[in-house]
Amino acid sequence: PGATPAVAYPRKILEYMEGFLISKVVFSSCELGVFDLLLGAERPLSAEEISQAVGTSVDGTERLLAACAGLQLLNIHQDGGRLLYSNTESGQTFTMTRSSPLSLSLTVPEPSTLCWHYLTDAVREGRNQYEKAFGVDAKDLFQALYRSDEEMVKFMQLMNSIWNICGKEVVTAFDLSPFKTICDLGGSCSGALAKQCTSAYPECTVTIFDLPKVVRTSRENFFSEANRRIGFYEVGDFFKDPLPGADLYILARILHDWTDQRCIELLQRVHQACRPGGSVLLVEALLYEDGSGPLTAQLYSLNMLVQTEGRERSAAQYAALLTAAGFTSIQHRFTGKIYDAVLARK
C-alpha cells in the first residue's frame, strides 16, 4: 500500500536556468576566435592545437569545445583516441564574426549586459538602470552605448549582422517599389537596411539620417564600396532637426526606445515632413495581441525596460500611435523572423 508517487522532473525550468550559461559559451567562443580558427584550418583541430592558437589553457579549451559540440556548433571527430573539432554548418555560417556575410557578430555590447544585472530593480522601479550601471543620467539613453568608439562599433556590428539576416524580409513585407525616395531615420545603425532597400528596389534612393558620430563610424566600417543610391544626412536629432523630404520614412528599432508620447511626437514630425501620398514603415518585433508571445519580443521588451524609456508593442498599439500622429491605412505583416513590419500612409 501507498506507493511513492513519481516526482515530476522540471526539465524546461532547468533548461531555462542554464540559459545564461549557454549564452556565455557562445559569446566566449566567438570572442576567442574559435570558429574563425576552425574555418581557416585545412583539417579538424585538437583541443591542444586550438588552445595554442588562441592562447588559452588546454583544460579550459577542452571543456569549452565539448560544450560547443553539445550545442551543435562544432563537430567531433575521432582520430586514434584523440578528439578533433570542426565547425558545423550553423556554427560556420552564423557565428563567424569576420568571414561570413551572415555573421551574427556575437558580441553583446556592455550596456546590455550591465543593465541586465539590475533587472530585478528595473521591474521594481519601472525604469531603466543606466544610473546604477554607469552613473550617467538615465534620460540620455545612448550616452553609455556611444560612450566609446569601441562600444559603438560593437553595437553597430550586431545590428549590421541582424539586418543582413532579417532585413530583406522587412523591406519586402510590403511592395515599396512606388516609393522612389526613402529616408532611413536612425540609419538602422550601420546602413545595412538601406543596402537591403536599394537591392530589393533598384529604382529607389535612400538617405540615412543619423548623428554625425554614427554616420562617420558607419562610413568607416560598413561602406567599403560606394553606393551612389545611398546618401547621408549628418544632423541626426530627429526630435529637433529638420527631416529631409521623402516618399517613405523607415523607422527601424526606433519607436521601441521611447514612451508613447515621445513616439507620437516623432511620428507627427515624420507626418509633417512626408510628401503627399507618402508612407512610414515601422520595423519592430511585434507582440501578439493576446500577450502570448513571441518569446523573443517579450524578452526584448524587458531589455527596453532595463535600457530605455520604451517597450515592445503589438500591431494594434503601433496603429494607435500612428493614428494619433495623423497616419491612415495602417497594415502590418509578421515576417517569421525577429522583426516585423507596419506600414501607414499619409
Protein backbone atom coordinates (compact mmCIF):
# COMPACT_ATOMS: atom_id res chain seq x y z
CA PRO A 1 0.00 0.00 0.00
CA GLY A 2 0.96 3.61 -0.51
CA ALA A 3 3.38 3.51 -3.41
CA THR A 4 5.59 6.60 -3.54
CA PRO A 5 4.36 8.91 -6.32
CA ALA A 6 6.82 9.67 -9.09
CA VAL A 7 8.42 13.08 -8.75
CA ALA A 8 7.95 15.22 -11.83
CA TYR A 9 11.19 16.32 -13.49
CA PRO A 10 11.17 20.07 -14.29
CA ARG A 11 13.15 19.73 -17.49
CA LYS A 12 12.07 23.01 -19.08
CA ILE A 13 12.70 25.06 -15.95
CA LEU A 14 16.17 23.56 -15.56
CA GLU A 15 16.93 24.31 -19.22
CA TYR A 16 15.85 27.92 -18.72
CA MET A 17 18.09 28.21 -15.67
CA GLU A 18 21.02 27.12 -17.84
CA GLY A 19 20.22 29.72 -20.50
CA PHE A 20 22.81 32.29 -19.42
CA LEU A 21 25.49 29.54 -19.34
CA ILE A 22 24.72 28.68 -22.96
CA SER A 23 24.91 32.33 -23.99
CA LYS A 24 28.30 32.74 -22.34
CA VAL A 25 29.66 29.63 -24.08
CA VAL A 26 28.71 31.07 -27.46
CA PHE A 27 29.95 34.59 -26.73
CA SER A 28 33.27 33.40 -25.28
CA SER A 29 33.91 31.05 -28.19
CA CYS A 30 33.37 33.93 -30.61
CA GLU A 31 35.49 36.30 -28.57
CA LEU A 32 38.37 33.81 -28.50
CA GLY A 33 38.11 33.26 -32.26
CA VAL A 34 37.46 29.52 -32.09
CA PHE A 35 35.10 29.44 -35.07
CA ASP A 36 37.32 31.70 -37.16
CA LEU A 37 40.31 29.47 -36.46
CA LEU A 38 38.48 26.32 -37.49
CA LEU A 39 37.14 27.98 -40.63
CA GLY A 40 40.68 28.76 -41.77
CA ALA A 41 42.07 25.33 -40.85
CA GLU A 42 42.68 22.75 -43.55
CA ARG A 43 41.54 19.91 -41.27
CA PRO A 44 39.81 19.37 -37.90
CA LEU A 45 41.96 20.51 -34.96
CA SER A 46 42.60 19.10 -31.48
CA ALA A 47 41.96 21.00 -28.25
CA GLU A 48 45.72 21.35 -27.81
CA GLU A 49 46.13 22.92 -31.25
CA ILE A 50 43.21 25.26 -30.69
CA SER A 51 44.39 26.31 -27.23
CA GLN A 52 47.85 27.09 -28.54
CA ALA A 53 46.46 29.12 -31.43
CA VAL A 54 44.02 31.22 -29.39
CA GLY A 55 46.17 31.49 -26.24
CA THR A 56 44.09 29.54 -23.73
CA SER A 57 44.62 26.67 -21.28
CA VAL A 58 44.24 23.16 -22.68
CA ASP A 59 41.87 22.10 -19.89
CA GLY A 60 39.61 25.12 -20.29
CA THR A 61 39.62 24.76 -24.05
CA GLU A 62 38.65 21.08 -23.87
CA ARG A 63 35.66 21.95 -21.73
CA LEU A 64 34.60 24.87 -23.94
CA LEU A 65 34.88 22.78 -27.10
CA ALA A 66 32.86 19.97 -25.53
CA ALA A 67 30.09 22.42 -24.68
CA CYS A 68 30.14 23.83 -28.22
CA ALA A 69 29.81 20.30 -29.57
CA GLY A 70 26.88 19.71 -27.23
CA LEU A 71 25.27 22.87 -28.62
CA GLN A 72 25.81 21.52 -32.16
CA LEU A 73 28.14 24.36 -33.08
CA LEU A 74 31.13 22.03 -33.50
CA ASN A 75 31.57 18.53 -34.91
CA ILE A 76 33.67 15.96 -33.02
CA HIS A 77 35.95 13.59 -34.96
CA GLN A 78 37.77 10.55 -33.54
CA ASP A 79 41.42 10.17 -34.57
CA GLY A 80 43.26 7.31 -32.88
CA GLY A 81 41.87 8.17 -29.46
CA ARG A 82 42.21 11.91 -29.95
CA LEU A 83 39.23 14.23 -30.31
CA LEU A 84 39.33 16.71 -33.19
CA TYR A 85 36.92 19.56 -33.83
CA SER A 86 35.47 21.32 -36.87
CA ASN A 87 32.65 23.81 -37.42
CA THR A 88 29.13 22.63 -38.05
CA GLU A 89 27.28 24.38 -40.85
CA SER A 90 25.37 26.64 -38.45
CA GLY A 91 28.48 27.39 -36.41
CA GLN A 92 30.39 28.31 -39.53
CA THR A 93 27.66 30.29 -41.26
CA PHE A 94 26.17 32.29 -38.43
CA THR A 95 28.86 32.68 -35.77
CA MET A 96 31.84 33.64 -37.90
CA THR A 97 32.43 37.20 -36.78
CA ARG A 98 34.71 38.12 -39.66
CA SER A 99 34.31 35.82 -42.61
CA SER A 100 30.64 35.01 -43.10
CA PRO A 101 28.27 37.53 -44.73
CA LEU A 102 25.55 36.11 -42.46
CA SER A 103 27.62 36.51 -39.32
CA LEU A 104 25.66 37.29 -36.18
CA SER A 105 28.62 39.21 -34.75
CA LEU A 106 28.05 37.58 -31.41
CA THR A 107 29.42 40.21 -29.10
CA VAL A 108 26.86 41.76 -26.78
CA PRO A 109 27.53 45.46 -26.08
CA GLU A 110 28.46 46.09 -22.45
CA PRO A 111 25.49 48.41 -21.75
CA SER A 112 23.11 45.49 -22.33
CA THR A 113 24.88 43.04 -20.06
CA LEU A 114 25.49 45.53 -17.25
CA CYS A 115 21.93 46.85 -17.24
CA TRP A 116 20.55 43.32 -17.12
CA HIS A 117 22.35 42.80 -13.81
CA TYR A 118 19.71 45.17 -12.43
CA LEU A 119 16.62 43.54 -13.97
CA THR A 120 15.03 42.97 -10.56
CA ASP A 121 15.47 46.66 -9.73
CA ALA A 122 14.07 47.65 -13.12
CA VAL A 123 10.95 45.56 -12.52
CA ARG A 124 10.54 47.02 -9.01
CA GLU A 125 11.05 50.61 -10.13
CA GLY A 126 9.60 50.50 -13.65
CA ARG A 127 12.54 52.37 -15.18
CA ASN A 128 15.89 51.83 -16.86
CA GLN A 129 19.04 51.15 -14.88
CA TYR A 130 21.69 53.33 -16.55
CA GLU A 131 22.33 55.29 -13.37
CA LYS A 132 23.22 52.15 -11.40
CA ALA A 133 25.13 50.52 -14.26
CA PHE A 134 27.11 53.54 -15.48
CA GLY A 135 26.44 56.50 -13.23
CA VAL A 136 25.05 58.51 -16.15
CA ASP A 137 21.76 60.36 -16.49
CA ALA A 138 19.05 57.84 -17.26
CA LYS A 139 17.44 60.32 -19.65
CA ASP A 140 20.40 60.17 -22.04
CA LEU A 141 19.64 56.74 -23.46
CA PHE A 142 22.63 56.50 -25.78
CA GLN A 143 25.33 58.11 -23.67
CA ALA A 144 26.51 54.74 -22.34
CA LEU A 145 26.06 52.93 -25.65
CA TYR A 146 28.05 55.53 -27.57
CA ARG A 147 30.50 56.43 -24.80
CA SER A 148 33.42 54.98 -26.78
CA ASP A 149 34.12 54.19 -30.41
CA GLU A 150 34.70 50.55 -29.45
CA GLU A 151 31.27 50.17 -27.84
CA MET A 152 29.62 51.95 -30.75
CA VAL A 153 31.25 49.67 -33.32
CA LYS A 154 30.24 46.57 -31.32
CA PHE A 155 26.63 47.69 -31.28
CA MET A 156 26.69 48.58 -34.96
CA GLN A 157 28.26 45.24 -35.88
CA LEU A 158 25.49 43.44 -34.03
CA MET A 159 22.81 45.46 -35.81
CA ASN A 160 24.55 45.03 -39.14
CA SER A 161 24.55 41.26 -38.77
CA ILE A 162 20.88 41.25 -37.70
CA TRP A 163 19.80 43.22 -40.77
CA ASN A 164 21.91 41.01 -43.04
CA ILE A 165 19.74 38.11 -41.86
CA CYS A 166 16.35 39.80 -41.31
CA GLY A 167 16.50 42.93 -43.48
CA LYS A 168 15.25 41.53 -46.78
CA GLU A 169 12.08 40.21 -45.16
CA VAL A 170 11.12 43.52 -43.57
CA VAL A 171 11.72 45.66 -46.67
CA THR A 172 9.78 43.19 -48.87
CA ALA A 173 6.93 42.56 -46.41
CA PHE A 174 5.10 45.23 -48.43
CA ASP A 175 5.69 46.37 -52.01
CA LEU A 176 7.76 49.51 -51.54
CA SER A 177 8.57 49.97 -55.23
CA PRO A 178 6.26 53.03 -55.60
CA PHE A 179 8.48 54.96 -53.15
CA LYS A 180 11.44 56.37 -55.03
CA THR A 181 12.98 58.46 -52.26
CA ILE A 182 13.38 56.80 -48.88
CA CYS A 183 14.70 58.23 -45.62
CA ASP A 184 16.05 55.79 -43.03
CA LEU A 185 15.67 57.67 -39.75
CA GLY A 186 18.30 56.44 -37.35
CA GLY A 187 20.15 54.75 -40.18
CA SER A 188 19.49 51.23 -38.88
CA CYS A 189 22.88 51.92 -37.29
CA SER A 190 25.22 50.54 -39.93
CA GLY A 191 23.18 51.36 -43.02
CA ALA A 192 22.51 47.68 -43.67
CA LEU A 193 18.77 48.21 -44.10
CA ALA A 194 19.43 50.96 -46.64
CA LYS A 195 21.51 48.46 -48.61
CA GLN A 196 18.65 45.95 -48.44
CA CYS A 197 16.29 48.61 -49.82
CA THR A 198 18.49 49.51 -52.78
CA SER A 199 18.97 45.81 -53.52
CA ALA A 200 15.25 44.99 -53.42
CA TYR A 201 14.16 48.19 -55.19
CA PRO A 202 16.78 49.23 -57.79
CA GLU A 203 14.91 52.45 -58.67
CA CYS A 204 14.98 53.91 -55.14
CA THR A 205 17.47 56.15 -53.37
CA VAL A 206 17.94 56.12 -49.59
CA THR A 207 19.05 58.91 -47.29
CA ILE A 208 20.41 57.82 -43.91
CA PHE A 209 19.59 60.35 -41.18
CA ASP A 210 21.69 59.96 -38.03
CA LEU A 211 24.06 61.61 -35.59
CA PRO A 212 27.35 62.79 -37.15
CA LYS A 213 29.39 60.40 -34.98
CA VAL A 214 27.23 57.45 -36.03
CA VAL A 215 27.38 58.42 -39.70
CA ARG A 216 31.18 58.73 -39.57
CA THR A 217 31.55 55.32 -37.90
CA SER A 218 29.14 53.76 -40.37
CA ARG A 219 31.04 55.12 -43.36
CA GLU A 220 34.39 53.98 -41.98
CA ASN A 221 33.33 50.46 -41.00
CA PHE A 222 30.41 49.38 -43.19
CA PHE A 223 30.70 51.14 -46.56
CA SER A 224 33.86 49.80 -48.17
CA GLU A 225 32.27 50.28 -51.58
CA ALA A 226 30.50 53.46 -52.63
CA ASN A 227 26.75 53.10 -53.24
CA ARG A 228 25.57 56.09 -55.21
CA ARG A 229 21.95 55.46 -54.25
CA ILE A 230 22.68 55.79 -50.51
CA GLY A 231 23.39 59.21 -49.05
CA PHE A 232 23.94 60.58 -45.54
CA TYR A 233 22.27 63.41 -43.66
CA GLU A 234 24.53 64.26 -40.75
CA VAL A 235 22.30 66.30 -38.47
CA GLY A 236 20.72 63.47 -36.71
CA ASP A 237 18.42 64.51 -33.84
CA PHE A 238 15.07 63.54 -35.29
CA PHE A 239 13.22 65.13 -32.37
CA LYS A 240 14.69 68.59 -33.09
CA ASP A 241 16.32 68.87 -36.51
CA PRO A 242 14.51 69.31 -39.86
CA LEU A 243 13.80 65.99 -41.56
CA PRO A 244 14.71 65.58 -45.23
CA GLY A 245 11.77 65.24 -47.61
CA ALA A 246 10.95 61.70 -48.74
CA ASP A 247 8.21 59.46 -50.09
CA LEU A 248 8.84 56.83 -47.41
CA TYR A 249 10.37 57.04 -43.95
CA ILE A 250 11.76 53.92 -42.31
CA LEU A 251 11.92 53.80 -38.52
CA ALA A 252 13.70 50.55 -37.68
CA ARG A 253 14.06 49.73 -33.99
CA ILE A 254 13.39 53.38 -33.15
CA LEU A 255 9.97 53.64 -31.52
CA HIS A 256 10.63 50.81 -29.09
CA ASP A 257 13.15 53.09 -27.32
CA TRP A 258 10.56 55.71 -26.38
CA THR A 259 7.39 56.40 -24.41
CA ASP A 260 4.06 56.58 -26.24
CA GLN A 261 4.09 60.39 -26.04
CA ARG A 262 7.59 60.65 -27.50
CA CYS A 263 6.65 58.19 -30.25
CA ILE A 264 3.64 60.31 -31.22
CA GLU A 265 5.81 63.43 -31.18
CA LEU A 266 8.30 61.82 -33.57
CA LEU A 267 5.61 60.37 -35.83
CA GLN A 268 3.93 63.78 -36.06
CA ARG A 269 7.24 65.26 -37.27
CA VAL A 270 7.51 62.45 -39.84
CA HIS A 271 3.91 63.09 -40.94
CA GLN A 272 4.65 66.78 -41.47
CA ALA A 273 7.80 66.06 -43.49
CA CYS A 274 6.28 63.24 -45.53
CA ARG A 275 5.27 64.09 -49.09
CA PRO A 276 1.58 63.74 -50.06
CA GLY A 277 0.74 60.09 -50.63
CA GLY A 278 3.88 59.03 -48.80
CA SER A 279 4.19 56.47 -46.02
CA VAL A 280 6.09 55.40 -42.95
CA LEU A 281 7.43 51.89 -42.39
CA LEU A 282 7.96 50.76 -38.81
CA VAL A 283 10.31 47.83 -38.28
CA GLU A 284 9.87 46.31 -34.82
CA ALA A 285 9.47 42.98 -33.02
CA LEU A 286 5.67 42.77 -32.77
CA LEU A 287 3.97 41.26 -29.75
CA TYR A 288 0.87 39.13 -30.27
CA GLU A 289 -2.36 40.90 -29.36
CA ASP A 290 -3.24 38.30 -26.69
CA GLY A 291 0.13 38.71 -24.95
CA SER A 292 1.14 35.08 -25.53
CA GLY A 293 4.35 35.84 -27.41
CA PRO A 294 6.58 35.73 -29.33
CA LEU A 295 9.09 34.98 -26.59
CA THR A 296 11.83 36.97 -28.35
CA ALA A 297 9.67 40.10 -28.40
CA GLN A 298 8.73 39.57 -24.75
CA LEU A 299 12.41 39.33 -23.79
CA TYR A 300 13.22 42.38 -25.91
CA SER A 301 10.51 44.30 -24.06
CA LEU A 302 12.33 43.57 -20.80
CA ASN A 303 15.50 44.76 -22.49
CA MET A 304 13.75 48.03 -23.28
CA LEU A 305 12.77 48.29 -19.61
CA VAL A 306 16.34 47.95 -18.32
CA GLN A 307 17.89 50.17 -21.01
CA THR A 308 15.40 52.71 -22.39
CA GLU A 309 12.15 54.57 -21.81
CA GLY A 310 10.27 52.29 -24.19
CA ARG A 311 8.79 48.86 -24.76
CA GLU A 312 7.94 46.39 -27.49
CA ARG A 313 4.34 46.75 -28.70
CA SER A 314 1.62 44.92 -30.58
CA ALA A 315 0.45 45.91 -34.06
CA ALA A 316 -2.67 47.48 -32.52
CA GLN A 317 -0.56 49.57 -30.15
CA TYR A 318 1.60 50.85 -33.02
CA ALA A 319 -1.56 51.54 -35.03
CA ALA A 320 -2.86 53.70 -32.18
CA LEU A 321 0.37 55.73 -32.16
CA LEU A 322 0.27 56.15 -35.94
CA THR A 323 -3.38 57.19 -35.88
CA ALA A 324 -2.68 59.76 -33.18
CA ALA A 325 0.04 61.22 -35.43
CA GLY A 326 -2.32 61.51 -38.41
CA PHE A 327 -1.47 58.39 -40.44
CA THR A 328 -4.12 56.15 -42.03
CA SER A 329 -4.43 52.86 -43.97
CA ILE A 330 -2.34 51.03 -41.38
CA GLN A 331 -1.28 47.45 -42.13
CA HIS A 332 1.14 45.02 -40.53
CA ARG A 333 2.98 41.86 -41.56
CA PHE A 334 4.69 39.22 -39.45
CA THR A 335 7.84 38.11 -41.30
CA GLY A 336 8.54 34.89 -39.40
CA LYS A 337 11.88 36.30 -38.25
CA ILE A 338 12.80 38.58 -35.35
CA TYR A 339 11.48 41.82 -36.84
CA ASP A 340 8.14 42.60 -38.41
CA ALA A 341 6.73 45.48 -40.45
CA VAL A 342 3.96 48.07 -40.05
CA LEU A 343 3.09 50.36 -42.99
CA ALA A 344 0.95 53.51 -42.74
CA ARG A 345 0.06 56.22 -45.26
CA LYS A 346 -0.21 59.98 -45.01
